[in-house]
Amino acid sequence: MRTRILLYLALAAGAVPTLLPFVWLVRSALMQDTQMFIAPPQWIPDPFQWSNFTEALTAQPFGRYFLNTVVIAVISVLGTVLTCSIAAFSFSRLRWRGRNVVFAVLLSSVMLPYAVTLIPTFVMWQELGALNTIAPLTVPSWFAGAGGGVLNVFLLRQFFLTIPFELDEAAYIDGASPWRVFWMVVMPLSKPAIVVVTIFTFIGTWNDFLGPLLYLNDEEKYTLSIGLASFQSIYITQWGYLMAASAAVIAPIIALFFFLQRYFIEGVTLTGIKN
């Protein structure tokens, strides 16, 4: 019992530095700008500036930004889960010549810095006439390995390897094709890993700032991350509005994690454990 209490105390102490930025965000969202940076810090707002939320969310068309972000996130999640799971199935459940070599080459692409491909990618989308559209932000997710999907392929492959191959063999004996084995056997047993990839992809798309900044020029197509940046300028930063809007923007991510945390923890824990 004493050991458990000490363990909980150690975990609580380790959680404090993690929660501190979030606490600072929430208290700042309820403060006036003049209260935020006084020394020593004032942790409890006095008075509570609830109007920061309403004024921040109406200062910019955040409803439109929210809809744009949701559309991009949903398309990206669907494309990533589908194509990365198909690629992972091929690398883990099918036998073909050069499979391990191709997988090693795919993994090696992780070492290629994003900045190296930034200009060529921008020029490519410019030549295709896709600037100021959501195509550069969504199409790469429909090609496994593109848009940072290599790690998702690796994660799903490692999880697929934990599923007994006897299930595949039994399905093949019954006349199932590889495509049917993928949909009817492997995918239903891989919900935890799929949830992990879904969460990672959704958070990455939701928080993406550089992509929309590069490819979107029309304010009607801006995402939430671009909307938050509008509260900062060279001469002044509206800290109260920025903190309030930031708290509202991260709320869906927190809700998504708590809703799917059981599958998320299970997927991360089981990945890499074979049979």
Protein backbone atom coordinates (compact mmCIF):
# COMPACT_ATOMS: atom_id res chain seq x y z
CA MET A 1 0.00 0.00 0.00
CA ARG A 2 2.80 2.40 0.87
CA THR A 3 4.54 1.65 -2.42
CA ARG A 4 1.38 2.44 -4.34
CA ILE A 5 0.93 5.74 -2.49
CA LEU A 6 4.52 6.73 -3.26
CA LEU A 7 3.98 5.77 -6.89
CA TYR A 8 0.87 7.93 -7.15
CA LEU A 9 2.67 10.85 -5.50
CA ALA A 10 5.55 10.51 -7.97
CA LEU A 11 3.12 10.42 -10.90
CA ALA A 12 1.28 13.45 -9.55
CA ALA A 13 4.55 15.34 -9.17
CA GLY A 14 5.49 14.45 -12.73
CA ALA A 15 2.09 15.61 -14.00
CA VAL A 16 2.43 19.10 -12.52
CA PRO A 17 4.97 20.39 -15.10
CA THR A 18 2.83 18.88 -17.86
CA LEU A 19 -0.38 20.55 -16.67
CA LEU A 20 1.24 23.90 -15.86
CA PRO A 21 1.10 25.30 -19.45
CA PHE A 22 -2.58 24.34 -19.71
CA VAL A 23 -3.37 25.97 -16.35
CA TRP A 24 -1.52 29.09 -17.46
CA LEU A 25 -3.52 29.14 -20.70
CA VAL A 26 -6.87 28.89 -18.91
CA ARG A 27 -6.08 31.53 -16.26
CA SER A 28 -4.73 33.89 -18.92
CA ALA A 29 -7.87 33.40 -21.00
CA LEU A 30 -9.90 34.77 -18.08
CA MET A 31 -7.65 37.77 -17.37
CA GLN A 32 -7.12 41.24 -18.67
CA ASP A 33 -3.88 41.79 -20.58
CA THR A 34 -2.44 43.91 -17.77
CA GLN A 35 -2.84 41.08 -15.25
CA MET A 36 -1.10 38.31 -17.15
CA PHE A 37 2.55 39.19 -16.71
CA ILE A 38 2.66 40.83 -13.29
CA ALA A 39 5.19 39.53 -10.76
CA PRO A 40 4.62 37.49 -8.72
CA PRO A 41 2.14 35.71 -11.02
CA GLN A 42 -1.53 36.00 -10.20
CA TRP A 43 -2.99 32.51 -10.62
CA ILE A 44 -6.64 33.30 -9.93
CA PRO A 45 -8.22 35.93 -12.21
CA ASP A 46 -9.76 38.90 -10.43
CA PRO A 47 -12.17 39.67 -11.94
CA PHE A 48 -12.96 36.78 -14.29
CA GLN A 49 -12.90 38.18 -17.82
CA TRP A 50 -15.45 35.83 -19.42
CA SER A 51 -15.99 38.32 -22.23
CA ASN A 52 -12.59 37.33 -23.68
CA PHE A 53 -14.17 34.17 -25.10
CA THR A 54 -17.17 35.80 -26.74
CA GLU A 55 -15.19 38.74 -28.10
CA ALA A 56 -12.33 36.55 -29.34
CA LEU A 57 -14.60 34.10 -31.16
CA THR A 58 -16.56 36.91 -32.80
CA ALA A 59 -13.56 39.09 -33.69
CA GLN A 60 -12.77 36.66 -36.51
CA PRO A 61 -15.09 34.27 -38.41
CA PHE A 62 -14.06 31.29 -36.29
CA GLY A 63 -17.19 29.40 -37.30
CA ARG A 64 -15.94 29.35 -40.89
CA TYR A 65 -12.39 28.53 -39.74
CA PHE A 66 -13.73 25.67 -37.62
CA LEU A 67 -15.68 24.20 -40.54
CA ASN A 68 -12.66 24.47 -42.85
CA THR A 69 -10.43 22.76 -40.30
CA VAL A 70 -12.92 19.95 -39.69
CA VAL A 71 -13.26 19.27 -43.44
CA ILE A 72 -9.48 19.09 -43.90
CA ALA A 73 -9.03 16.95 -40.77
CA VAL A 74 -11.75 14.45 -41.72
CA ILE A 75 -10.44 14.01 -45.27
CA SER A 76 -6.88 13.63 -44.00
CA VAL A 77 -7.86 11.09 -41.33
CA LEU A 78 -9.84 8.97 -43.80
CA GLY A 79 -7.04 8.99 -46.35
CA THR A 80 -4.31 8.26 -43.81
CA VAL A 81 -6.13 5.40 -42.09
CA LEU A 82 -7.15 3.74 -45.36
CA THR A 83 -3.90 3.97 -47.33
CA CYS A 84 -1.52 3.46 -44.40
CA SER A 85 -3.43 0.37 -43.24
CA ILE A 86 -3.34 -1.09 -46.78
CA ALA A 87 0.41 -0.48 -46.99
CA ALA A 88 0.95 -1.93 -43.51
CA PHE A 89 -1.08 -5.01 -44.45
CA SER A 90 1.14 -5.55 -47.46
CA PHE A 91 4.33 -5.19 -45.43
CA SER A 92 3.16 -7.42 -42.58
CA ARG A 93 0.73 -10.06 -43.91
CA LEU A 94 1.70 -10.60 -47.55
CA ARG A 95 4.87 -12.25 -48.82
CA TRP A 96 6.50 -10.75 -51.89
CA ARG A 97 10.03 -10.39 -53.15
CA GLY A 98 11.89 -7.33 -51.86
CA ARG A 99 9.31 -6.57 -49.19
CA ASN A 100 11.82 -5.89 -46.41
CA VAL A 101 14.05 -3.81 -48.70
CA VAL A 102 11.15 -1.61 -49.78
CA PHE A 103 10.07 -1.21 -46.17
CA ALA A 104 13.60 -0.20 -45.15
CA VAL A 105 13.72 2.38 -47.94
CA LEU A 106 10.33 3.69 -46.84
CA LEU A 107 11.53 4.06 -43.24
CA SER A 108 14.70 5.80 -44.37
CA SER A 109 12.57 8.61 -45.81
CA VAL A 110 11.82 9.66 -42.22
CA MET A 111 15.39 11.01 -42.03
CA LEU A 112 14.65 13.45 -44.89
CA PRO A 113 13.97 16.88 -43.34
CA TYR A 114 10.62 18.43 -44.16
CA ALA A 115 12.31 21.66 -45.20
CA VAL A 116 14.17 19.85 -48.01
CA THR A 117 10.94 19.01 -49.83
CA LEU A 118 9.09 22.20 -48.95
CA ILE A 119 10.02 24.28 -52.02
CA PRO A 120 9.74 21.45 -54.61
CA THR A 121 6.36 20.50 -53.19
CA PHE A 122 5.13 24.09 -53.33
CA VAL A 123 6.32 24.44 -56.94
CA MET A 124 4.57 21.18 -57.85
CA TRP A 125 1.21 22.35 -56.45
CA GLN A 126 1.71 25.71 -58.13
CA GLU A 127 2.24 24.05 -61.51
CA LEU A 128 -0.89 21.97 -60.93
CA GLY A 129 -2.89 25.11 -60.21
CA ALA A 130 -3.87 23.85 -56.76
CA LEU A 131 -2.78 26.85 -54.70
CA ASN A 132 -5.49 28.40 -52.53
CA THR A 133 -7.31 25.06 -52.38
CA ILE A 134 -7.36 22.32 -49.77
CA ALA A 135 -5.79 19.83 -52.21
CA PRO A 136 -2.19 20.33 -50.98
CA LEU A 137 -3.43 19.81 -47.41
CA THR A 138 -5.49 16.67 -48.05
CA VAL A 139 -4.30 14.81 -51.16
CA PRO A 140 -0.93 13.70 -49.66
CA SER A 141 -2.79 11.83 -46.93
CA TRP A 142 -4.26 9.52 -49.60
CA PHE A 143 -0.80 8.26 -50.51
CA ALA A 144 0.66 6.13 -47.70
CA GLY A 145 4.09 7.42 -46.82
CA ALA A 146 3.37 10.97 -47.97
CA GLY A 147 2.58 13.78 -45.59
CA GLY A 148 4.37 12.12 -42.68
CA GLY A 149 2.47 8.84 -43.05
CA VAL A 150 5.58 6.65 -42.81
CA LEU A 151 5.36 6.47 -39.03
CA ASN A 152 1.69 5.51 -39.29
CA VAL A 153 2.58 2.70 -41.69
CA PHE A 154 5.24 1.51 -39.25
CA LEU A 155 2.85 1.67 -36.30
CA LEU A 156 0.11 -0.27 -38.08
CA ARG A 157 2.58 -2.83 -39.45
CA GLN A 158 3.89 -3.54 -35.97
CA PHE A 159 0.37 -4.00 -34.68
CA PHE A 160 -0.66 -6.23 -37.59
CA LEU A 161 2.27 -8.51 -36.76
CA THR A 162 0.69 -9.21 -33.36
CA ILE A 163 -2.35 -10.81 -35.01
CA PRO A 164 -1.92 -14.61 -35.38
CA PHE A 165 -1.28 -15.67 -38.97
CA GLU A 166 -3.48 -18.72 -38.39
CA LEU A 167 -6.50 -16.45 -38.82
CA ASP A 168 -5.33 -15.46 -42.30
CA GLU A 169 -4.64 -19.07 -43.24
CA ALA A 170 -8.08 -20.18 -42.09
CA ALA A 171 -9.69 -17.44 -44.18
CA TYR A 172 -7.61 -18.35 -47.25
CA ILE A 173 -8.66 -22.00 -46.86
CA ASP A 174 -12.28 -20.84 -46.93
CA GLY A 175 -11.59 -19.11 -50.23
CA ALA A 176 -11.07 -15.55 -49.03
CA SER A 177 -8.92 -13.15 -51.05
CA PRO A 178 -6.21 -10.97 -49.47
CA TRP A 179 -8.53 -8.00 -49.80
CA ARG A 180 -11.25 -9.83 -47.88
CA VAL A 181 -8.78 -10.93 -45.21
CA PHE A 182 -7.73 -7.31 -44.83
CA TRP A 183 -11.30 -6.04 -44.35
CA MET A 184 -12.87 -8.97 -42.49
CA VAL A 185 -10.00 -10.27 -40.33
CA VAL A 186 -7.21 -7.77 -39.82
CA MET A 187 -9.04 -4.45 -39.65
CA PRO A 188 -11.69 -5.49 -37.07
CA LEU A 189 -8.90 -6.75 -34.79
CA SER A 190 -6.85 -3.56 -35.16
CA LYS A 191 -9.20 -0.98 -33.71
CA PRO A 192 -6.74 0.22 -31.02
CA ALA A 193 -3.98 0.89 -33.58
CA ILE A 194 -6.43 2.56 -35.96
CA VAL A 195 -7.60 4.82 -33.14
CA VAL A 196 -3.99 5.79 -32.39
CA VAL A 197 -3.37 6.70 -36.04
CA THR A 198 -6.67 8.59 -36.12
CA ILE A 199 -5.75 10.66 -33.06
CA PHE A 200 -2.23 11.39 -34.29
CA THR A 201 -3.46 12.42 -37.72
CA PHE A 202 -6.34 14.50 -36.40
CA ILE A 203 -4.11 16.39 -33.95
CA GLY A 204 -1.44 16.96 -36.59
CA THR A 205 -3.97 18.32 -39.07
CA TRP A 206 -5.85 20.35 -36.46
CA ASN A 207 -2.67 22.07 -35.27
CA ASP A 208 -1.06 22.47 -38.70
CA PHE A 209 -0.01 26.08 -39.24
CA LEU A 210 2.66 26.01 -41.94
CA GLY A 211 0.58 24.14 -44.53
CA PRO A 212 -2.43 26.48 -44.52
CA LEU A 213 -0.09 29.47 -44.29
CA LEU A 214 1.69 28.41 -47.48
CA TYR A 215 -1.21 27.24 -49.61
CA LEU A 216 -4.26 29.26 -48.55
CA ASN A 217 -4.65 32.91 -49.55
CA ASP A 218 -8.40 33.43 -49.31
CA GLU A 219 -9.60 34.33 -45.81
CA GLU A 220 -12.76 32.28 -46.39
CA LYS A 221 -10.56 29.16 -46.57
CA TYR A 222 -8.41 29.85 -43.49
CA THR A 223 -8.11 27.27 -40.72
CA LEU A 224 -8.20 27.76 -36.95
CA SER A 225 -4.43 27.97 -36.65
CA ILE A 226 -4.33 30.89 -39.11
CA GLY A 227 -7.22 32.51 -37.27
CA LEU A 228 -5.29 32.39 -33.99
CA ALA A 229 -2.30 34.04 -35.63
CA SER A 230 -4.49 37.01 -36.54
CA PHE A 231 -4.39 38.13 -32.90
CA GLN A 232 -0.64 38.71 -33.21
CA SER A 233 1.01 41.46 -35.21
CA ILE A 234 4.34 43.22 -35.37
CA TYR A 235 3.27 45.99 -32.99
CA ILE A 236 0.72 44.45 -30.65
CA THR A 237 -0.58 41.10 -29.42
CA GLN A 238 -4.08 40.72 -28.04
CA TRP A 239 -3.13 38.25 -25.36
CA GLY A 240 -6.54 37.88 -23.76
CA TYR A 241 -8.24 37.10 -27.06
CA LEU A 242 -5.39 34.87 -28.15
CA MET A 243 -5.47 32.79 -24.96
CA ALA A 244 -9.26 32.52 -24.96
CA ALA A 245 -9.38 31.46 -28.61
CA SER A 246 -6.52 28.99 -28.05
CA ALA A 247 -8.37 27.40 -25.14
CA ALA A 248 -11.48 27.02 -27.30
CA VAL A 249 -9.48 25.55 -30.20
CA ILE A 250 -7.78 22.83 -28.13
CA ALA A 251 -11.02 21.80 -26.42
CA PRO A 252 -12.06 19.38 -29.24
CA ILE A 253 -8.65 17.69 -29.12
CA ILE A 254 -8.91 17.14 -25.37
CA ALA A 255 -12.44 15.80 -25.75
CA LEU A 256 -11.33 13.44 -28.52
CA PHE A 257 -8.48 12.06 -26.45
CA PHE A 258 -10.61 11.45 -23.34
CA PHE A 259 -13.29 9.79 -25.46
CA LEU A 260 -10.79 7.43 -27.12
CA GLN A 261 -8.10 7.19 -24.44
CA ARG A 262 -8.79 3.52 -23.68
CA TYR A 263 -8.16 2.50 -27.28
CA PHE A 264 -5.23 4.90 -27.54
CA ILE A 265 -3.39 3.43 -24.55
CA GLU A 266 -4.18 -0.11 -25.68
CA GLY A 267 -2.91 0.57 -29.19
CA VAL A 268 0.36 2.10 -28.02
CA THR A 269 0.89 -0.68 -25.46
CA LEU A 270 0.26 -3.60 -27.81
CA THR A 271 2.21 -2.24 -30.78
CA GLY A 272 5.37 -4.29 -31.15
CA ILE A 273 4.20 -7.22 -28.98
CA LYS A 274 4.15 -10.23 -31.29
CA ASN A 275 1.62 -13.03 -30.84
